[in-house]
Amino acid sequence: DEEVSQMWQWEASRWLAEAGCRVMLAWGKDAEAWAEAVEDASQEAFNYEDIPEDRLVVTTSHEDEDLEEAFWFAKHRAAHPALALGRTLIVHIAPAPRRDEIEAAYAAA
C-alpha cells in the first residue's frame, strides 16, 4: 500500500532472502517490482551463480488480483520445489496498520 524508495525496497528484499524466505507472493502496489527485487536479492546472495534448490526463493506477483485471491493462492497453491511450506509471514508495507483486517482476510482464504 505504500510507495518506497528503490533502495529501501532492495534492503527489504535482501533481508527477506537472508532471513530464509523461500516463497514470496507480492500483492498490491508495485507487486511485480517487489517480486523481481526479491528474486534478484536471492541471486545476489549466491553471486549470481547456481542456487542450491533448498535455498531458492520462488516469487509470484499478484498485482491485478484482490487480496483474498492472493491469500487463497498462498494457502492452497504456493509451493516450493524442494521444501514443504510450514509458516506464513505477512509483511504489509503501508502508512497505517491494518493487521486485524489482513489477518482476517488470510484466515478466510
PDB file of N, CA and C in Angstrom:
ATOM      1  N   ASP A   1       0.803  -1.209   0.000  1.00  0.00           N
ATOM      2  CA  ASP A   1       0.000   0.000   0.000  1.00  0.00           C
ATOM      3  C   ASP A   1       0.844   1.270   0.000  1.00  0.00           C
ATOM      4  N   GLU A   2       2.135   1.158   0.199  1.00  0.00           N
ATOM      5  CA  GLU A   2       2.986   2.336   0.346  1.00  0.00           C
ATOM      6  C   GLU A   2       4.080   2.333  -0.717  1.00  0.00           C
ATOM      7  N   GLU A   3       4.320   3.489  -1.306  1.00  0.00           N
ATOM      8  CA  GLU A   3       5.466   3.623  -2.198  1.00  0.00           C
ATOM      9  C   GLU A   3       6.713   3.772  -1.346  1.00  0.00           C
ATOM     10  N   VAL A   4       7.762   3.092  -1.753  1.00  0.00           N
ATOM     11  CA  VAL A   4       9.034   3.171  -1.032  1.00  0.00           C
ATOM     12  C   VAL A   4      10.135   3.459  -2.046  1.00  0.00           C
ATOM     13  N   SER A   5      11.260   3.923  -1.544  1.00  0.00           N
ATOM     14  CA  SER A   5      12.383   4.168  -2.437  1.00  0.00           C
ATOM     15  C   SER A   5      12.923   2.829  -2.934  1.00  0.00           C
ATOM     16  N   GLN A   6      13.582   2.878  -4.069  1.00  0.00           N
ATOM     17  CA  GLN A   6      14.171   1.661  -4.615  1.00  0.00           C
ATOM     18  C   GLN A   6      15.215   1.085  -3.655  1.00  0.00           C
ATOM     19  N   MET A   7      15.971   1.957  -2.990  1.00  0.00           N
ATOM     20  CA  MET A   7      16.988   1.484  -2.047  1.00  0.00           C
ATOM     21  C   MET A   7      16.334   0.749  -0.876  1.00  0.00           C
ATOM     22  N   TRP A   8      15.237   1.288  -0.359  1.00  0.00           N
ATOM     23  CA  TRP A   8      14.535   0.635   0.757  1.00  0.00           C
ATOM     24  C   TRP A   8      13.992  -0.712   0.296  1.00  0.00           C
ATOM     25  N   GLN A   9      13.442  -0.751  -0.919  1.00  0.00           N
ATOM     26  CA  GLN A   9      12.916  -2.000  -1.467  1.00  0.00           C
ATOM     27  C   GLN A   9      14.028  -3.044  -1.575  1.00  0.00           C
ATOM     28  N   TRP A  10      15.204  -2.629  -2.031  1.00  0.00           N
ATOM     29  CA  TRP A  10      16.325  -3.554  -2.153  1.00  0.00           C
ATOM     30  C   TRP A  10      16.771  -4.067  -0.788  1.00  0.00           C
ATOM     31  N   GLU A  11      16.848  -3.184   0.189  1.00  0.00           N
ATOM     32  CA  GLU A  11      17.260  -3.609   1.532  1.00  0.00           C
ATOM     33  C   GLU A  11      16.253  -4.591   2.126  1.00  0.00           C
ATOM     34  N   ALA A  12      14.973  -4.300   1.966  1.00  0.00           N
ATOM     35  CA  ALA A  12      13.940  -5.214   2.460  1.00  0.00           C
ATOM     36  C   ALA A  12      13.993  -6.547   1.720  1.00  0.00           C
ATOM     37  N   SER A  13      14.239  -6.516   0.429  1.00  0.00           N
ATOM     38  CA  SER A  13      14.324  -7.740  -0.366  1.00  0.00           C
ATOM     39  C   SER A  13      15.520  -8.586   0.056  1.00  0.00           C
ATOM     40  N   ARG A  14      16.632  -7.942   0.301  1.00  0.00           N
ATOM     41  CA  ARG A  14      17.810  -8.674   0.791  1.00  0.00           C
ATOM     42  C   ARG A  14      17.523  -9.294   2.154  1.00  0.00           C
ATOM     43  N   TRP A  15      16.860  -8.544   3.014  1.00  0.00           N
ATOM     44  CA  TRP A  15      16.507  -9.066   4.337  1.00  0.00           C
ATOM     45  C   TRP A  15      15.637 -10.317   4.194  1.00  0.00           C
ATOM     46  N   LEU A  16      14.626 -10.265   3.328  1.00  0.00           N
ATOM     47  CA  LEU A  16      13.757 -11.425   3.139  1.00  0.00           C
ATOM     48  C   LEU A  16      14.554 -12.641   2.666  1.00  0.00           C
ATOM     49  N   ALA A  17      15.415 -12.445   1.687  1.00  0.00           N
ATOM     50  CA  ALA A  17      16.207 -13.563   1.164  1.00  0.00           C
ATOM     51  C   ALA A  17      17.138 -14.120   2.241  1.00  0.00           C
ATOM     52  N   GLU A  18      17.797 -13.250   2.984  1.00  0.00           N
ATOM     53  CA  GLU A  18      18.731 -13.697   4.019  1.00  0.00           C
ATOM     54  C   GLU A  18      18.022 -14.322   5.217  1.00  0.00           C
ATOM     55  N   ALA A  19      16.795 -13.894   5.481  1.00  0.00           N
ATOM     56  CA  ALA A  19      16.054 -14.383   6.643  1.00  0.00           C
ATOM     57  C   ALA A  19      15.440 -15.764   6.416  1.00  0.00           C
ATOM     58  N   GLY A  20      15.523 -16.277   5.195  1.00  0.00           N
ATOM     59  CA  GLY A  20      15.015 -17.618   4.942  1.00  0.00           C
ATOM     60  C   GLY A  20      13.713 -17.671   4.174  1.00  0.00           C
ATOM     61  N   CYS A  21      13.282 -16.560   3.620  1.00  0.00           N
ATOM     62  CA  CYS A  21      12.084 -16.572   2.783  1.00  0.00           C
ATOM     63  C   CYS A  21      12.337 -17.510   1.608  1.00  0.00           C
ATOM     64  N   ARG A  22      11.419 -18.432   1.368  1.00  0.00           N
ATOM     65  CA  ARG A  22      11.590 -19.367   0.254  1.00  0.00           C
ATOM     66  C   ARG A  22      10.500 -19.224  -0.807  1.00  0.00           C
ATOM     67  N   VAL A  23       9.353 -18.673  -0.421  1.00  0.00           N
ATOM     68  CA  VAL A  23       8.291 -18.363  -1.380  1.00  0.00           C
ATOM     69  C   VAL A  23       7.766 -16.986  -1.018  1.00  0.00           C
ATOM     70  N   MET A  24       7.772 -16.068  -1.979  1.00  0.00           N
ATOM     71  CA  MET A  24       7.312 -14.713  -1.727  1.00  0.00           C
ATOM     72  C   MET A  24       6.243 -14.359  -2.742  1.00  0.00           C
ATOM     73  N   LEU A  25       5.061 -14.045  -2.244  1.00  0.00           N
ATOM     74  CA  LEU A  25       3.962 -13.610  -3.084  1.00  0.00           C
ATOM     75  C   LEU A  25       3.811 -12.109  -2.894  1.00  0.00           C
ATOM     76  N   ALA A  26       3.942 -11.365  -3.958  1.00  0.00           N
ATOM     77  CA  ALA A  26       3.797  -9.909  -3.887  1.00  0.00           C
ATOM     78  C   ALA A  26       2.406  -9.536  -4.360  1.00  0.00           C
ATOM     79  N   TRP A  27       1.783  -8.632  -3.634  1.00  0.00           N
ATOM     80  CA  TRP A  27       0.440  -8.165  -3.976  1.00  0.00           C
ATOM     81  C   TRP A  27       0.397  -6.667  -3.770  1.00  0.00           C
ATOM     82  N   GLY A  28      -0.403  -5.988  -4.549  1.00  0.00           N
ATOM     83  CA  GLY A  28      -0.624  -4.560  -4.344  1.00  0.00           C
ATOM     84  C   GLY A  28       0.322  -3.699  -5.162  1.00  0.00           C
ATOM     85  N   LYS A  29       0.571  -2.514  -4.643  1.00  0.00           N
ATOM     86  CA  LYS A  29       1.371  -1.511  -5.337  1.00  0.00           C
ATOM     87  C   LYS A  29       2.761  -2.053  -5.667  1.00  0.00           C
ATOM     88  N   ASP A  30       3.138  -1.945  -6.919  1.00  0.00           N
ATOM     89  CA  ASP A  30       4.463  -2.359  -7.400  1.00  0.00           C
ATOM     90  C   ASP A  30       4.775  -3.833  -7.128  1.00  0.00           C
ATOM     91  N   ALA A  31       3.760  -4.686  -7.174  1.00  0.00           N
ATOM     92  CA  ALA A  31       3.954  -6.101  -6.859  1.00  0.00           C
ATOM     93  C   ALA A  31       5.008  -6.746  -7.759  1.00  0.00           C
ATOM     94  N   GLU A  32       4.973  -6.451  -9.038  1.00  0.00           N
ATOM     95  CA  GLU A  32       5.947  -7.053  -9.955  1.00  0.00           C
ATOM     96  C   GLU A  32       7.364  -6.606  -9.606  1.00  0.00           C
ATOM     97  N   ALA A  33       7.539  -5.340  -9.276  1.00  0.00           N
ATOM     98  CA  ALA A  33       8.863  -4.840  -8.896  1.00  0.00           C
ATOM     99  C   ALA A  33       9.347  -5.510  -7.614  1.00  0.00           C
ATOM    100  N   TRP A  34       8.435  -5.751  -6.663  1.00  0.00           N
ATOM    101  CA  TRP A  34       8.815  -6.443  -5.427  1.00  0.00           C
ATOM    102  C   TRP A  34       9.240  -7.879  -5.718  1.00  0.00           C
ATOM    103  N   ALA A  35       8.488  -8.570  -6.556  1.00  0.00           N
ATOM    104  CA  ALA A  35       8.847  -9.954  -6.892  1.00  0.00           C
ATOM    105  C   ALA A  35      10.223  -9.996  -7.556  1.00  0.00           C
ATOM    106  N   GLU A  36      10.478  -9.092  -8.472  1.00  0.00           N
ATOM    107  CA  GLU A  36      11.779  -9.047  -9.142  1.00  0.00           C
ATOM    108  C   GLU A  36      12.902  -8.703  -8.169  1.00  0.00           C
ATOM    109  N   ALA A  37      12.657  -7.769  -7.252  1.00  0.00           N
ATOM    110  CA  ALA A  37      13.690  -7.363  -6.294  1.00  0.00           C
ATOM    111  C   ALA A  37      14.062  -8.522  -5.370  1.00  0.00           C
ATOM    112  N   VAL A  38      13.080  -9.278  -4.901  1.00  0.00           N
ATOM    113  CA  VAL A  38      13.376 -10.412  -4.021  1.00  0.00           C
ATOM    114  C   VAL A  38      14.094 -11.508  -4.795  1.00  0.00           C
ATOM    115  N   GLU A  39      13.671 -11.756  -6.014  1.00  0.00           N
ATOM    116  CA  GLU A  39      14.366 -12.744  -6.846  1.00  0.00           C
ATOM    117  C   GLU A  39      15.815 -12.321  -7.087  1.00  0.00           C
ATOM    118  N   ASP A  40      16.026 -11.061  -7.404  1.00  0.00           N
ATOM    119  CA  ASP A  40      17.385 -10.553  -7.611  1.00  0.00           C
ATOM    120  C   ASP A  40      18.213 -10.655  -6.335  1.00  0.00           C
ATOM    121  N   ALA A  41      17.609 -10.349  -5.190  1.00  0.00           N
ATOM    122  CA  ALA A  41      18.336 -10.436  -3.919  1.00  0.00           C
ATOM    123  C   ALA A  41      18.758 -11.870  -3.645  1.00  0.00           C
ATOM    124  N   SER A  42      17.910 -12.822  -3.991  1.00  0.00           N
ATOM    125  CA  SER A  42      18.246 -14.233  -3.828  1.00  0.00           C
ATOM    126  C   SER A  42      19.431 -14.604  -4.716  1.00  0.00           C
ATOM    127  N   GLN A  43      19.408 -14.154  -5.946  1.00  0.00           N
ATOM    128  CA  GLN A  43      20.512 -14.442  -6.863  1.00  0.00           C
ATOM    129  C   GLN A  43      21.795 -13.745  -6.416  1.00  0.00           C
ATOM    130  N   GLU A  44      21.670 -12.521  -5.941  1.00  0.00           N
ATOM    131  CA  GLU A  44      22.828 -11.774  -5.455  1.00  0.00           C
ATOM    132  C   GLU A  44      23.503 -12.499  -4.288  1.00  0.00           C
ATOM    133  N   ALA A  45      22.700 -13.100  -3.415  1.00  0.00           N
ATOM    134  CA  ALA A  45      23.243 -13.813  -2.252  1.00  0.00           C
ATOM    135  C   ALA A  45      24.153 -14.970  -2.663  1.00  0.00           C
ATOM    136  N   PHE A  46      23.985 -15.461  -3.880  1.00  0.00           N
ATOM    137  CA  PHE A  46      24.810 -16.558  -4.386  1.00  0.00           C
ATOM    138  C   PHE A  46      25.683 -16.100  -5.546  1.00  0.00           C
ATOM    139  N   ASN A  47      26.011 -14.810  -5.543  1.00  0.00           N
ATOM    140  CA  ASN A  47      26.887 -14.229  -6.570  1.00  0.00           C
ATOM    141  C   ASN A  47      26.422 -14.550  -7.987  1.00  0.00           C
ATOM    142  N   TYR A  48      25.112 -14.621  -8.166  1.00  0.00           N
ATOM    143  CA  TYR A  48      24.508 -14.866  -9.474  1.00  0.00           C
ATOM    144  C   TYR A  48      24.953 -16.189 -10.086  1.00  0.00           C
ATOM    145  N   GLU A  49      25.296 -17.134  -9.228  1.00  0.00           N
ATOM    146  CA  GLU A  49      25.641 -18.480  -9.673  1.00  0.00           C
ATOM    147  C   GLU A  49      24.500 -19.415  -9.298  1.00  0.00           C
ATOM    148  N   ASP A  50      24.695 -20.706  -9.479  1.00  0.00           N
ATOM    149  CA  ASP A  50      23.651 -21.671  -9.170  1.00  0.00           C
ATOM    150  C   ASP A  50      23.253 -21.573  -7.704  1.00  0.00           C
ATOM    151  N   ILE A  51      21.955 -21.580  -7.473  1.00  0.00           N
ATOM    152  CA  ILE A  51      21.417 -21.528  -6.113  1.00  0.00           C
ATOM    153  C   ILE A  51      21.013 -22.943  -5.725  1.00  0.00           C
ATOM    154  N   PRO A  52      21.466 -23.421  -4.555  1.00  0.00           N
ATOM    155  CA  PRO A  52      21.001 -24.748  -4.107  1.00  0.00           C
ATOM    156  C   PRO A  52      19.471 -24.751  -4.048  1.00  0.00           C
ATOM    157  N   GLU A  53      18.879 -25.852  -4.471  1.00  0.00           N
ATOM    158  CA  GLU A  53      17.418 -25.901  -4.584  1.00  0.00           C
ATOM    159  C   GLU A  53      16.714 -25.556  -3.276  1.00  0.00           C
ATOM    160  N   ASP A  54      17.273 -25.972  -2.143  1.00  0.00           N
ATOM    161  CA  ASP A  54      16.618 -25.684  -0.867  1.00  0.00           C
ATOM    162  C   ASP A  54      16.783 -24.228  -0.429  1.00  0.00           C
ATOM    163  N   ARG A  55      17.593 -23.450  -1.120  1.00  0.00           N
ATOM    164  CA  ARG A  55      17.792 -22.029  -0.811  1.00  0.00           C
ATOM    165  C   ARG A  55      17.131 -21.118  -1.842  1.00  0.00           C
ATOM    166  N   LEU A  56      16.566 -21.702  -2.873  1.00  0.00           N
ATOM    167  CA  LEU A  56      15.894 -20.955  -3.925  1.00  0.00           C
ATOM    168  C   LEU A  56      14.704 -20.183  -3.354  1.00  0.00           C
ATOM    169  N   VAL A  57      14.523 -18.953  -3.812  1.00  0.00           N
ATOM    170  CA  VAL A  57      13.346 -18.166  -3.444  1.00  0.00           C
ATOM    171  C   VAL A  57      12.435 -18.097  -4.669  1.00  0.00           C
ATOM    172  N   VAL A  58      11.251 -18.657  -4.540  1.00  0.00           N
ATOM    173  CA  VAL A  58      10.248 -18.639  -5.591  1.00  0.00           C
ATOM    174  C   VAL A  58       9.399 -17.388  -5.379  1.00  0.00           C
ATOM    175  N   THR A  59       9.183 -16.609  -6.441  1.00  0.00           N
ATOM    176  CA  THR A  59       8.372 -15.394  -6.299  1.00  0.00           C
ATOM    177  C   THR A  59       7.202 -15.422  -7.269  1.00  0.00           C
ATOM    178  N   THR A  60       6.110 -14.807  -6.864  1.00  0.00           N
ATOM    179  CA  THR A  60       4.957 -14.612  -7.732  1.00  0.00           C
ATOM    180  C   THR A  60       4.428 -13.206  -7.503  1.00  0.00           C
ATOM    181  N   SER A  61       3.789 -12.662  -8.509  1.00  0.00           N
ATOM    182  CA  SER A  61       3.220 -11.319  -8.437  1.00  0.00           C
ATOM    183  C   SER A  61       1.714 -11.410  -8.642  1.00  0.00           C
ATOM    184  N   HIS A  62       0.977 -10.714  -7.787  1.00  0.00           N
ATOM    185  CA  HIS A  62      -0.489 -10.756  -7.828  1.00  0.00           C
ATOM    186  C   HIS A  62      -1.049  -9.338  -7.856  1.00  0.00           C
ATOM    187  N   GLU A  63      -0.473  -8.513  -8.704  1.00  0.00           N
ATOM    188  CA  GLU A  63      -0.784  -7.083  -8.755  1.00  0.00           C
ATOM    189  C   GLU A  63      -2.230  -6.803  -9.125  1.00  0.00           C
ATOM    190  N   ASP A  64      -2.797  -7.571 -10.044  1.00  0.00           N
ATOM    191  CA  ASP A  64      -4.152  -7.301 -10.528  1.00  0.00           C
ATOM    192  C   ASP A  64      -5.216  -8.165  -9.857  1.00  0.00           C
ATOM    193  N   GLU A  65      -4.881  -8.783  -8.742  1.00  0.00           N
ATOM    194  CA  GLU A  65      -5.826  -9.647  -8.046  1.00  0.00           C
ATOM    195  C   GLU A  65      -6.307  -8.980  -6.761  1.00  0.00           C
ATOM    196  N   ASP A  66      -7.459  -9.411  -6.299  1.00  0.00           N
ATOM    197  CA  ASP A  66      -7.922  -8.989  -4.980  1.00  0.00           C
ATOM    198  C   ASP A  66      -7.034  -9.638  -3.925  1.00  0.00           C
ATOM    199  N   LEU A  67      -6.946  -9.017  -2.784  1.00  0.00           N
ATOM    200  CA  LEU A  67      -6.137  -9.557  -1.697  1.00  0.00           C
ATOM    201  C   LEU A  67      -6.591 -10.967  -1.332  1.00  0.00           C
ATOM    202  N   GLU A  68      -7.887 -11.193  -1.323  1.00  0.00           N
ATOM    203  CA  GLU A  68      -8.412 -12.512  -0.981  1.00  0.00           C
ATOM    204  C   GLU A  68      -7.926 -13.575  -1.963  1.00  0.00           C
ATOM    205  N   GLU A  69      -7.826 -13.226  -3.241  1.00  0.00           N
ATOM    206  CA  GLU A  69      -7.326 -14.172  -4.242  1.00  0.00           C
ATOM    207  C   GLU A  69      -5.850 -14.493  -4.005  1.00  0.00           C
ATOM    208  N   ALA A  70      -5.076 -13.477  -3.681  1.00  0.00           N
ATOM    209  CA  ALA A  70      -3.652 -13.696  -3.397  1.00  0.00           C
ATOM    210  C   ALA A  70      -3.484 -14.579  -2.164  1.00  0.00           C
ATOM    211  N   PHE A  71      -4.289 -14.328  -1.136  1.00  0.00           N
ATOM    212  CA  PHE A  71      -4.214 -15.154   0.067  1.00  0.00           C
ATOM    213  C   PHE A  71      -4.654 -16.585  -0.220  1.00  0.00           C
ATOM    214  N   TRP A  72      -5.679 -16.763  -1.059  1.00  0.00           N
ATOM    215  CA  TRP A  72      -6.106 -18.113  -1.408  1.00  0.00           C
ATOM    216  C   TRP A  72      -4.953 -18.844  -2.101  1.00  0.00           C
ATOM    217  N   PHE A  73      -4.290 -18.168  -3.037  1.00  0.00           N
ATOM    218  CA  PHE A  73      -3.149 -18.771  -3.714  1.00  0.00           C
ATOM    219  C   PHE A  73      -2.067 -19.147  -2.710  1.00  0.00           C
ATOM    220  N   ALA A  74      -1.787 -18.252  -1.771  1.00  0.00           N
ATOM    221  CA  ALA A  74      -0.756 -18.507  -0.757  1.00  0.00           C
ATOM    222  C   ALA A  74      -1.078 -19.754   0.060  1.00  0.00           C
ATOM    223  N   LYS A  75      -2.324 -19.933   0.411  1.00  0.00           N
ATOM    224  CA  LYS A  75      -2.703 -21.064   1.261  1.00  0.00           C
ATOM    225  C   LYS A  75      -2.885 -22.372   0.503  1.00  0.00           C
ATOM    226  N   HIS A  76      -3.299 -22.301  -0.769  1.00  0.00           N
ATOM    227  CA  HIS A  76      -3.711 -23.515  -1.470  1.00  0.00           C
ATOM    228  C   HIS A  76      -2.859 -23.893  -2.686  1.00  0.00           C
ATOM    229  N   ARG A  77      -2.082 -22.978  -3.216  1.00  0.00           N
ATOM    230  CA  ARG A  77      -1.329 -23.286  -4.429  1.00  0.00           C
ATOM    231  C   ARG A  77       0.174 -23.002  -4.328  1.00  0.00           C
ATOM    232  N   ALA A  78       0.575 -22.123  -3.450  1.00  0.00           N
ATOM    233  CA  ALA A  78       2.001 -21.790  -3.350  1.00  0.00           C
ATOM    234  C   ALA A  78       2.792 -23.039  -2.983  1.00  0.00           C
ATOM    235  N   ALA A  79       3.923 -23.199  -3.650  1.00  0.00           N
ATOM    236  CA  ALA A  79       4.747 -24.387  -3.409  1.00  0.00           C
ATOM    237  C   ALA A  79       6.203 -24.046  -3.682  1.00  0.00           C
ATOM    238  N   HIS A  80       7.064 -24.846  -3.109  1.00  0.00           N
ATOM    239  CA  HIS A  80       8.498 -24.728  -3.334  1.00  0.00           C
ATOM    240  C   HIS A  80       8.961 -26.070  -3.885  1.00  0.00           C
ATOM    241  N   PRO A  81       9.891 -26.077  -4.841  1.00  0.00           N
ATOM    242  CA  PRO A  81      10.298 -27.347  -5.457  1.00  0.00           C
ATOM    243  C   PRO A  81      11.046 -28.297  -4.529  1.00  0.00           C
ATOM    244  N   ALA A  82      11.606 -27.793  -3.426  1.00  0.00           N
ATOM    245  CA  ALA A  82      12.424 -28.668  -2.576  1.00  0.00           C
ATOM    246  C   ALA A  82      11.978 -28.705  -1.118  1.00  0.00           C
ATOM    247  N   LEU A  83      11.048 -27.854  -0.734  1.00  0.00           N
ATOM    248  CA  LEU A  83      10.681 -27.749   0.684  1.00  0.00           C
ATOM    249  C   LEU A  83       9.175 -27.768   0.878  1.00  0.00           C
ATOM    250  N   ALA A  84       8.764 -28.301   2.007  1.00  0.00           N
ATOM    251  CA  ALA A  84       7.369 -28.170   2.418  1.00  0.00           C
ATOM    252  C   ALA A  84       7.234 -26.822   3.117  1.00  0.00           C
ATOM    253  N   LEU A  85       6.170 -26.108   2.809  1.00  0.00           N
ATOM    254  CA  LEU A  85       5.963 -24.800   3.418  1.00  0.00           C
ATOM    255  C   LEU A  85       5.199 -24.969   4.720  1.00  0.00           C
ATOM    256  N   GLY A  86       5.716 -24.393   5.784  1.00  0.00           N
ATOM    257  CA  GLY A  86       5.084 -24.587   7.080  1.00  0.00           C
ATOM    258  C   GLY A  86       4.669 -23.317   7.790  1.00  0.00           C
ATOM    259  N   ARG A  87       5.267 -22.197   7.421  1.00  0.00           N
ATOM    260  CA  ARG A  87       4.955 -20.939   8.100  1.00  0.00           C
ATOM    261  C   ARG A  87       4.661 -19.862   7.073  1.00  0.00           C
ATOM    262  N   THR A  88       3.817 -18.928   7.479  1.00  0.00           N
ATOM    263  CA  THR A  88       3.495 -17.789   6.626  1.00  0.00           C
ATOM    264  C   THR A  88       3.772 -16.519   7.404  1.00  0.00           C
ATOM    265  N   LEU A  89       4.485 -15.619   6.791  1.00  0.00           N
ATOM    266  CA  LEU A  89       4.750 -14.298   7.346  1.00  0.00           C
ATOM    267  C   LEU A  89       4.137 -13.294   6.395  1.00  0.00           C
ATOM    268  N   ILE A  90       3.259 -12.454   6.904  1.00  0.00           N
ATOM    269  CA  ILE A  90       2.641 -11.418   6.088  1.00  0.00           C
ATOM    270  C   ILE A  90       3.349 -10.109   6.406  1.00  0.00           C
ATOM    271  N   VAL A  91       3.940  -9.513   5.388  1.00  0.00           N
ATOM    272  CA  VAL A  91       4.606  -8.219   5.539  1.00  0.00           C
ATOM    273  C   VAL A  91       3.748  -7.202   4.803  1.00  0.00           C
ATOM    274  N   HIS A  92       3.194  -6.284   5.546  1.00  0.00           N
ATOM    275  CA  HIS A  92       2.315  -5.266   4.979  1.00  0.00           C
ATOM    276  C   HIS A  92       3.026  -3.923   5.075  1.00  0.00           C
ATOM    277  N   ILE A  93       3.327  -3.342   3.947  1.00  0.00           N
ATOM    278  CA  ILE A  93       4.036  -2.068   3.910  1.00  0.00           C
ATOM    279  C   ILE A  93       3.007  -0.999   3.587  1.00  0.00           C
ATOM    280  N   ALA A  94       2.678  -0.197   4.595  1.00  0.00           N
ATOM    281  CA  ALA A  94       1.597   0.771   4.447  1.00  0.00           C
ATOM    282  C   ALA A  94       1.785   1.933   5.419  1.00  0.00           C
ATOM    283  N   PRO A  95       1.138   3.052   5.141  1.00  0.00           N
ATOM    284  CA  PRO A  95       1.250   4.200   6.043  1.00  0.00           C
ATOM    285  C   PRO A  95       0.504   4.007   7.366  1.00  0.00           C
ATOM    286  N   ALA A  96      -0.444   3.068   7.384  1.00  0.00           N
ATOM    287  CA  ALA A  96      -1.207   2.801   8.606  1.00  0.00           C
ATOM    288  C   ALA A  96      -1.437   1.295   8.728  1.00  0.00           C
ATOM    289  N   PRO A  97      -1.401   0.771   9.944  1.00  0.00           N
ATOM    290  CA  PRO A  97      -1.601  -0.678  10.122  1.00  0.00           C
ATOM    291  C   PRO A  97      -3.035  -1.113   9.813  1.00  0.00           C
ATOM    292  N   ARG A  98      -3.149  -2.324   9.273  1.00  0.00           N
ATOM    293  CA  ARG A  98      -4.445  -2.964   9.011  1.00  0.00           C
ATOM    294  C   ARG A  98      -4.369  -4.421   9.443  1.00  0.00           C
ATOM    295  N   ARG A  99      -3.653  -4.676  10.530  1.00  0.00           N
ATOM    296  CA  ARG A  99      -3.358  -6.039  10.947  1.00  0.00           C
ATOM    297  C   ARG A  99      -4.611  -6.906  11.089  1.00  0.00           C
ATOM    298  N   ASP A 100      -5.597  -6.440  11.823  1.00  0.00           N
ATOM    299  CA  ASP A 100      -6.786  -7.263  12.058  1.00  0.00           C
ATOM    300  C   ASP A 100      -7.498  -7.593  10.742  1.00  0.00           C
ATOM    301  N   GLU A 101      -7.645  -6.604   9.883  1.00  0.00           N
ATOM    302  CA  GLU A 101      -8.306  -6.808   8.591  1.00  0.00           C
ATOM    303  C   GLU A 101      -7.525  -7.802   7.734  1.00  0.00           C
ATOM    304  N   ILE A 102      -6.223  -7.665   7.701  1.00  0.00           N
ATOM    305  CA  ILE A 102      -5.403  -8.536   6.850  1.00  0.00           C
ATOM    306  C   ILE A 102      -5.362  -9.952   7.406  1.00  0.00           C
ATOM    307  N   GLU A 103      -5.223 -10.094   8.706  1.00  0.00           N
ATOM    308  CA  GLU A 103      -5.225 -11.439   9.292  1.00  0.00           C
ATOM    309  C   GLU A 103      -6.571 -12.122   9.108  1.00  0.00           C
ATOM    310  N   ALA A 104      -7.658 -11.372   9.188  1.00  0.00           N
ATOM    311  CA  ALA A 104      -8.996 -11.947   8.962  1.00  0.00           C
ATOM    312  C   ALA A 104      -9.143 -12.411   7.509  1.00  0.00           C
ATOM    313  N   ALA A 105      -8.633 -11.616   6.580  1.00  0.00           N
ATOM    314  CA  ALA A 105      -8.705 -11.984   5.165  1.00  0.00           C
ATOM    315  C   ALA A 105      -7.885 -13.251   4.893  1.00  0.00           C
ATOM    316  N   TYR A 106      -6.724 -13.366   5.522  1.00  0.00           N
ATOM    317  CA  TYR A 106      -5.901 -14.564   5.350  1.00  0.00           C
ATOM    318  C   TYR A 106      -6.604 -15.790   5.934  1.00  0.00           C
ATOM    319  N   ALA A 107      -7.190 -15.628   7.106  1.00  0.00           N
ATOM    320  CA  ALA A 107      -7.877 -16.741   7.763  1.00  0.00           C
ATOM    321  C   ALA A 107      -9.071 -17.226   6.925  1.00  0.00           C
ATOM    322  N   ALA A 108      -9.742 -16.302   6.235  1.00  0.00           N
ATOM    323  CA  ALA A 108     -10.919 -16.647   5.451  1.00  0.00           C
ATOM    324  C   ALA A 108     -10.577 -17.267   4.099  1.00  0.00           C
ATOM    325  N   ALA A 109      -9.341 -17.126   3.664  1.00  0.00           N
ATOM    326  CA  ALA A 109      -8.956 -17.610   2.320  1.00  0.00           C
ATOM    327  C   ALA A 109      -8.948 -19.126   2.235  1.00  0.00           C
TER     328      ALA A 109
END
